[in-house]
Protein backbone atom coordinates (compact mmCIF):
# COMPACT_ATOMS: atom_id res chain seq x y z
CA MET A 1 96.82 97.73 109.43
CA PHE A 2 95.02 97.82 106.13
CA LEU A 3 91.35 96.93 106.04
CA LYS A 4 91.00 93.80 103.97
CA ALA A 5 87.89 92.93 102.05
CA VAL A 6 87.04 89.86 100.04
CA PRO A 7 85.21 91.01 96.91
CA ILE A 8 81.46 91.30 97.34
CA LEU A 9 79.15 91.88 94.41
CA SER A 10 75.59 92.89 95.10
CA GLY A 11 72.41 93.47 93.20
CA MET A 12 71.35 95.43 90.21
CA LEU A 13 71.42 99.18 90.53
CA VAL A 14 70.09 100.33 87.19
CA LEU A 15 68.03 98.53 84.59
CA GLY A 16 67.75 99.62 80.97
CA LEU A 17 64.49 99.40 79.05
CA SER A 18 65.48 95.95 77.86
CA GLY A 19 66.05 94.79 81.42
CA ALA A 20 69.81 94.46 80.97
CA VAL A 21 71.95 95.09 84.03
CA LEU A 22 73.78 98.38 83.66
CA ALA A 23 75.48 98.64 87.06
CA ARG A 24 76.33 96.76 90.23
CA ASP A 25 77.96 97.38 93.57
CA ILE A 26 81.41 96.11 94.44
CA THR A 27 83.16 96.45 97.80
CA ASP A 28 86.79 97.37 97.34
CA MET A 29 89.73 96.63 99.64
CA ALA A 30 89.31 99.93 101.47
CA GLY A 31 85.77 98.91 102.40
CA ARG A 32 84.21 101.39 99.96
CA ILE A 33 81.08 100.41 98.07
CA VAL A 34 81.59 101.39 94.44
CA ALA A 35 78.97 101.35 91.68
CA VAL A 36 80.57 99.95 88.53
CA PRO A 37 79.22 99.08 85.08
CA ASP A 38 78.01 95.53 84.67
CA ARG A 39 80.28 95.17 81.64
CA ILE A 40 83.71 96.76 81.73
CA ASP A 41 85.56 97.34 78.46
CA SER A 42 88.30 99.72 79.61
CA VAL A 43 90.36 100.07 82.79
CA ALA A 44 92.71 102.84 83.90
CA THR A 45 95.48 101.88 86.32
CA LEU A 46 96.87 104.70 88.45
CA GLY A 47 99.83 105.21 90.77
CA SER A 48 101.82 102.00 91.18
CA VAL A 49 100.85 101.08 87.64
CA PRO A 50 103.12 98.06 86.99
CA VAL A 51 101.95 96.34 90.18
CA ILE A 52 98.28 97.07 89.54
CA ASN A 53 98.62 95.95 85.93
CA SER A 54 99.87 92.59 87.20
CA PHE A 55 96.50 92.01 88.87
CA VAL A 56 94.69 92.79 85.63
CA PHE A 57 97.05 90.45 83.75
CA ALA A 58 96.41 87.68 86.29
CA ALA A 59 92.68 88.03 85.67
CA GLY A 60 93.38 87.41 81.98
CA GLN A 61 92.19 90.90 81.09
CA GLY A 62 95.35 92.79 80.16
CA ALA A 63 93.76 93.88 76.87
CA LEU A 64 91.33 96.09 78.84
CA ILE A 65 94.05 98.40 80.20
CA ALA A 66 93.51 101.75 78.48
CA ASN A 67 96.55 103.77 79.56
CA ASP A 68 100.29 103.47 79.05
CA LEU A 69 102.85 103.02 81.78
CA PRO A 70 103.71 106.31 83.50
CA PRO A 71 106.89 108.13 82.41
CA TRP A 72 108.98 106.87 85.33
CA ALA A 73 108.28 103.25 84.38
CA ARG A 74 108.36 103.68 80.61
CA GLN A 75 111.62 105.63 80.54
CA SER A 76 113.46 103.26 82.86
CA GLY A 77 113.01 100.37 80.45
CA ARG A 78 112.69 97.97 83.38
CA TRP A 79 109.03 97.15 82.72
CA ALA A 80 109.34 96.13 79.08
CA TRP A 81 107.68 92.77 79.79
CA GLN A 82 104.43 94.65 80.32
CA ASP A 83 104.36 95.28 76.57
CA VAL A 84 104.58 91.53 75.98
CA PHE A 85 101.63 90.90 78.28
CA ALA A 86 99.59 93.86 76.96
CA PRO A 87 100.93 95.06 73.57
CA GLN A 88 98.50 97.99 73.40
CA LEU A 89 100.13 99.82 76.32
CA ALA A 90 102.83 101.61 74.31
CA GLN A 91 100.20 103.09 71.97
CA SER A 92 97.90 104.17 74.79
CA PRO A 93 97.74 107.64 76.39
CA ARG A 94 99.52 108.45 79.62
CA VAL A 95 97.44 109.71 82.50
CA GLU A 96 100.29 110.68 84.83
CA ASP A 97 103.08 113.21 84.32
CA ALA A 98 106.82 112.88 84.87
CA GLU A 99 106.43 113.99 88.49
CA ARG A 100 103.97 111.13 89.11
CA ASN A 101 101.02 113.52 89.34
CA LEU A 102 97.64 112.49 87.98
CA ALA A 103 96.90 114.10 84.61
CA LEU A 104 93.22 114.60 85.32
CA GLU A 105 92.22 116.13 81.98
CA GLU A 106 93.80 113.26 80.05
CA LEU A 107 92.10 110.73 82.29
CA LEU A 108 88.71 112.39 81.88
CA THR A 109 89.21 112.40 78.11
CA LEU A 110 90.11 108.71 78.24
CA ASP A 111 86.88 108.11 80.19
CA PRO A 112 87.58 104.54 81.35
CA ASP A 113 84.75 102.36 82.61
CA VAL A 114 86.64 101.92 85.89
CA ALA A 115 89.95 102.90 87.47
CA LEU A 116 92.17 100.93 89.83
CA THR A 117 94.48 102.53 92.40
CA PHE A 118 96.16 101.95 95.76
CA ALA A 119 95.42 105.54 96.85
CA GLN A 120 92.06 106.29 98.44
CA ASP A 121 92.48 110.05 97.97
CA THR A 122 92.80 109.44 94.22
CA ALA A 123 89.66 107.31 94.30
CA ASP A 124 87.73 109.97 96.20
CA LEU A 125 88.82 112.64 93.69
CA LEU A 126 87.80 110.56 90.68
CA ASP A 127 84.48 109.68 92.23
CA GLN A 128 83.73 113.41 92.20
CA HIS A 129 84.38 113.41 88.45
CA GLY A 130 82.18 110.43 87.72
CA ILE A 131 84.88 107.78 87.26
CA ALA A 132 84.16 104.65 89.26
CA THR A 133 87.38 103.87 91.11
CA VAL A 134 88.28 100.71 93.01
CA VAL A 135 90.97 100.75 95.70
CA LEU A 136 93.34 97.81 96.10
CA ARG A 137 95.26 97.32 99.34
CA ILE A 138 98.09 94.81 99.05
CA GLN A 139 100.24 94.30 102.13
CA THR A 140 100.18 90.60 102.99
CA PRO A 141 100.33 87.46 100.83
CA ASP A 142 96.63 86.85 101.51
CA ASP A 143 95.92 90.35 100.22
CA VAL A 144 97.41 89.31 96.88
CA LYS A 145 94.89 86.47 96.60
CA ASP A 146 92.03 88.76 97.61
CA GLY A 147 93.18 91.39 95.12
CA VAL A 148 93.19 88.91 92.24
CA ALA A 149 89.71 87.73 93.23
CA LEU A 150 88.43 91.30 93.40
CA VAL A 151 89.87 92.30 90.02
CA GLY A 152 88.67 89.07 88.45
CA ASP A 153 85.12 89.62 89.67
CA LEU A 154 85.25 93.26 88.62
CA LEU A 155 86.39 92.41 85.09
CA GLY A 156 84.07 89.49 84.47
CA ASN A 157 86.33 86.55 85.33
CA ALA A 158 84.91 85.36 88.65
CA ARG A 159 86.52 81.93 88.52
CA ILE A 160 90.05 83.35 88.54
CA GLY A 161 89.98 84.11 92.28
CA PRO A 162 89.54 80.48 93.39
CA ASP A 163 91.86 79.23 90.64
CA TYR A 164 94.62 81.65 91.59
CA ALA A 165 94.21 81.00 95.32
CA ALA A 166 94.49 77.24 94.75
CA TRP A 167 97.63 77.73 92.64
CA PHE A 168 99.10 80.18 95.18
CA ASP A 169 98.51 77.89 98.17
CA GLY A 170 99.58 74.77 96.29
CA THR A 171 102.86 76.31 95.15
CA LEU A 172 103.72 77.45 98.67
CA ALA A 173 102.72 74.10 100.18
CA ASP A 174 104.97 72.27 97.74
CA VAL A 175 107.97 74.43 98.62
CA ALA A 176 107.24 74.16 102.35
CA ALA A 177 107.10 70.37 102.17
CA ARG A 178 110.47 70.19 100.44
CA VAL A 179 112.34 72.54 102.80
CA GLU A 180 110.64 71.40 106.00
CA GLY A 181 113.42 69.09 107.12
CA VAL A 182 116.32 71.24 105.95
CA ALA A 183 118.51 72.31 108.85
CA ASP A 184 121.11 74.29 106.91
CA ARG A 185 119.37 77.50 105.85
CA PRO A 186 121.40 80.32 104.30
CA SER A 187 121.36 83.82 105.74
CA VAL A 188 119.96 86.23 103.15
CA LEU A 189 119.74 89.98 102.64
CA TYR A 190 117.48 91.69 100.12
CA LEU A 191 119.31 94.95 99.54
CA ASN A 192 119.07 98.12 97.50
CA PRO A 193 122.72 99.26 97.62
CA VAL A 194 121.90 102.61 96.01
CA ASN A 195 119.80 103.94 98.89
CA MET A 196 120.96 101.33 101.45
CA THR A 197 117.59 99.86 102.32
CA GLN A 198 115.82 96.57 102.53
CA PRO A 199 113.12 97.96 100.28
CA HIS A 200 110.07 95.80 100.94
CA LEU A 201 108.66 94.16 104.06
CA VAL A 202 107.22 91.28 102.02
CA ALA A 203 110.76 90.00 101.42
CA GLU A 204 110.89 88.86 105.04
CA TRP A 205 108.04 86.49 104.21
CA TRP A 206 109.30 85.05 100.94
CA ILE A 207 112.88 84.56 102.12
CA THR A 208 111.61 82.54 105.08
CA ALA A 209 109.08 80.62 102.97
CA ALA A 210 111.89 79.67 100.57
CA GLY A 211 113.99 78.13 103.33
CA GLY A 212 116.28 81.06 104.04
CA VAL A 213 116.91 83.23 107.09
CA SER A 214 116.52 86.95 106.46
CA VAL A 215 119.10 88.98 108.38
CA THR A 216 116.64 91.90 108.62
CA ASP A 217 113.70 89.89 109.96
CA ASP A 218 113.54 91.28 113.48
CA GLY A 219 109.77 91.63 113.69
CA ARG A 220 109.85 94.98 111.95
CA SER A 221 106.62 96.53 110.68
CA GLU A 222 107.95 99.36 108.51
CA GLU A 223 107.71 98.84 104.77
CA THR A 224 111.24 100.04 103.98
CA LEU A 225 114.12 99.44 106.37
CA ALA A 226 117.04 101.87 106.33
CA LEU A 227 120.42 100.18 106.69
CA THR A 228 123.94 101.34 107.36
CA THR A 229 127.07 99.92 105.81
CA GLU A 230 128.19 98.86 109.28
CA VAL A 231 125.01 96.87 109.90
CA VAL A 232 125.24 95.13 106.53
CA LEU A 233 128.91 94.24 107.02
CA ALA A 234 128.19 92.89 110.50
CA ALA A 235 125.38 90.70 109.16
CA ASP A 236 127.62 89.41 106.33
CA PRO A 237 124.89 87.24 104.78
CA ASP A 238 125.52 84.09 102.79
CA ILE A 239 123.44 85.47 99.90
CA VAL A 240 122.60 89.01 98.78
CA ILE A 241 119.56 89.56 96.55
CA VAL A 242 119.13 92.77 94.55
CA GLY A 243 116.20 94.04 92.52
CA ASP A 244 118.12 95.53 89.58
CA PRO A 245 120.96 94.04 87.48
CA THR A 246 122.92 97.30 87.79
CA HIS A 247 123.12 96.79 91.54
CA VAL A 248 125.56 93.90 91.07
CA ALA A 249 128.24 96.27 89.77
CA ARG A 250 127.36 98.70 92.53
CA LEU A 251 128.22 96.04 95.12
CA ASP A 252 131.37 94.95 93.30
CA GLU A 253 132.66 98.52 93.06
CA ASP A 254 131.80 99.69 96.58
CA ALA A 255 134.93 99.75 98.73
CA ASN A 256 133.04 98.50 101.77
CA LEU A 257 130.20 96.34 100.45
CA SER A 258 132.59 94.49 98.16
CA GLN A 259 134.05 92.95 101.34
CA LEU A 260 130.88 90.94 101.95
CA ARG A 261 131.40 87.19 101.59
CA ALA A 262 128.43 86.98 99.23
CA VAL A 263 130.02 89.54 96.93
CA GLN A 264 133.49 88.04 97.01
CA GLU A 265 132.18 84.52 96.43
CA GLY A 266 129.71 85.46 93.68
CA ARG A 267 126.53 84.80 95.63
CA ILE A 268 124.60 87.87 94.46
CA LEU A 269 121.21 87.06 92.98
CA VAL A 270 119.18 89.42 90.79
CA ALA A 271 115.47 89.05 91.50
CA PRO A 272 113.43 87.98 88.47
CA MET A 273 111.50 90.66 86.59
CA GLY A 274 108.23 89.92 84.81
CA ALA A 275 105.16 92.09 85.13
CA HIS A 276 106.96 93.54 88.13
CA ILE A 277 110.03 92.84 90.26
CA TRP A 278 109.26 89.48 91.82
CA ALA A 279 110.96 90.46 95.09
CA ASN A 280 108.36 93.18 95.62
CA ARG A 281 104.58 92.91 95.79
CA THR A 282 103.19 91.29 92.66
CA VAL A 283 100.85 88.49 91.62
CA GLU A 284 104.04 86.59 90.75
CA GLN A 285 104.87 86.30 94.48
CA PRO A 286 104.64 82.47 94.80
CA LEU A 287 107.07 82.22 91.90
CA THR A 288 109.44 84.36 93.98
CA VAL A 289 109.35 81.75 96.74
CA LEU A 290 110.00 78.93 94.28
CA TRP A 291 112.81 80.84 92.54
CA ALA A 292 114.49 81.73 95.84
CA ALA A 293 114.19 78.16 97.11
CA SER A 294 115.83 76.91 93.91
CA HIS A 295 118.88 79.04 94.74
CA PHE A 296 118.89 78.44 98.49
CA HIS A 297 118.48 74.67 98.08
CA PRO A 298 119.27 73.79 94.45
CA GLU A 299 119.46 70.08 95.19
CA LEU A 300 115.72 70.11 96.00
CA PHE A 301 114.46 72.28 93.15
CA PRO A 302 115.58 71.33 89.61
CA GLU A 303 115.89 74.25 87.20
CA ALA A 304 113.78 72.48 84.58
CA ALA A 305 110.86 72.23 87.00
CA LEU A 306 111.17 75.91 87.89
CA ILE A 307 111.10 76.94 84.23
CA ALA A 308 108.08 74.70 83.58
CA THR A 309 106.18 76.21 86.51
CA VAL A 310 106.93 79.77 85.39
CA ARG A 311 105.90 78.95 81.83
CA ASP A 312 102.61 77.46 83.02
CA PHE A 313 101.86 80.46 85.25
CA TYR A 314 102.13 83.04 82.49
CA LYS A 315 100.17 80.85 80.07
CA SER A 316 97.40 79.94 82.52
CA PHE A 317 96.85 83.33 84.15
CA PHE A 318 98.26 86.00 81.81
CA GLY A 319 97.31 84.12 78.65
CA THR A 320 100.86 84.59 77.31
CA GLU A 321 103.06 81.79 75.99
CA LEU A 322 106.75 82.46 76.54
CA ASP A 323 109.66 80.62 74.97
CA ASP A 324 112.71 79.34 76.84
CA GLY A 325 114.75 82.44 76.06
CA GLN A 326 112.06 84.74 77.42
CA LEU A 327 111.62 82.64 80.54
CA ARG A 328 115.35 82.65 81.25
CA ALA A 329 115.46 86.42 80.73
CA ILE A 330 112.66 86.89 83.27
CA LEU A 331 114.37 84.58 85.76
CA GLY A 332 117.61 86.52 85.28
CA GLY A 333 115.94 89.86 85.96
CA ARG A 334 116.55 91.01 82.39
CA VAL A 335 114.27 92.80 79.92
């Protein structure tokens, strides 16, 4: 169980001759008290960079990110929307190598005001080198709200936490009210057919919240669930959701998985892709619920309303206006 902390800012640590606040304490989501500058002009995001960037975007501060996507994300091409939300990324230095190792010298040269990471060992290392590092811990939906509040407070946008939480809860409440009386709920599998896993525990939550029944929701606690072909065929879900467009062909071409009803009847959905894959952990999570509900129960969720909600989210939180073509590309999992 991760230790969860709501952001706490405390008093002045250092005063300049003019009396201006130079530093403050912030309690991160690992329970660490971190001294950070009062004003932050540059942020390094380390490790699961696309996910962490989404929290900075949601705080309306994407322009502060000082490093590019790591090689694994940049070379895949899957995270191209990050360049729309923060155009400076592609011209920024990389601070991780192709093996996902921290490039410490490059990071020290970059000298960001603060770094964000999921890894406490990385934070402890950087603290030794004088880089204030804040740890995020995102496991549950409530953690997403707390993470946005923490990053917002850290980066000078304290109001974003309450605003995001209200939007998050309101979106989920609206979906819940519409599906509450629905008796016919489709069976659903979120599947990575390449490594035969249900890749993220959070999918059990959003499938249920959207009015579906996850065939892997057996009370499991492990983040990634290994599956066998036999188990998947026995479950034979009504709908299969994948996180990558290339996985559709993988299912169609697999001699065994192609026998699934969902494959034969064309009920494979590709999860949307914005700042990150919506099916995984991201600040876009409530949109995942709404998107899934619109496919599970299309009679209750008009496409036009879905598009309008997605448009408003990216404009209100990321500060990015997207046209209809861009919105449909995101909803289709395309870059």
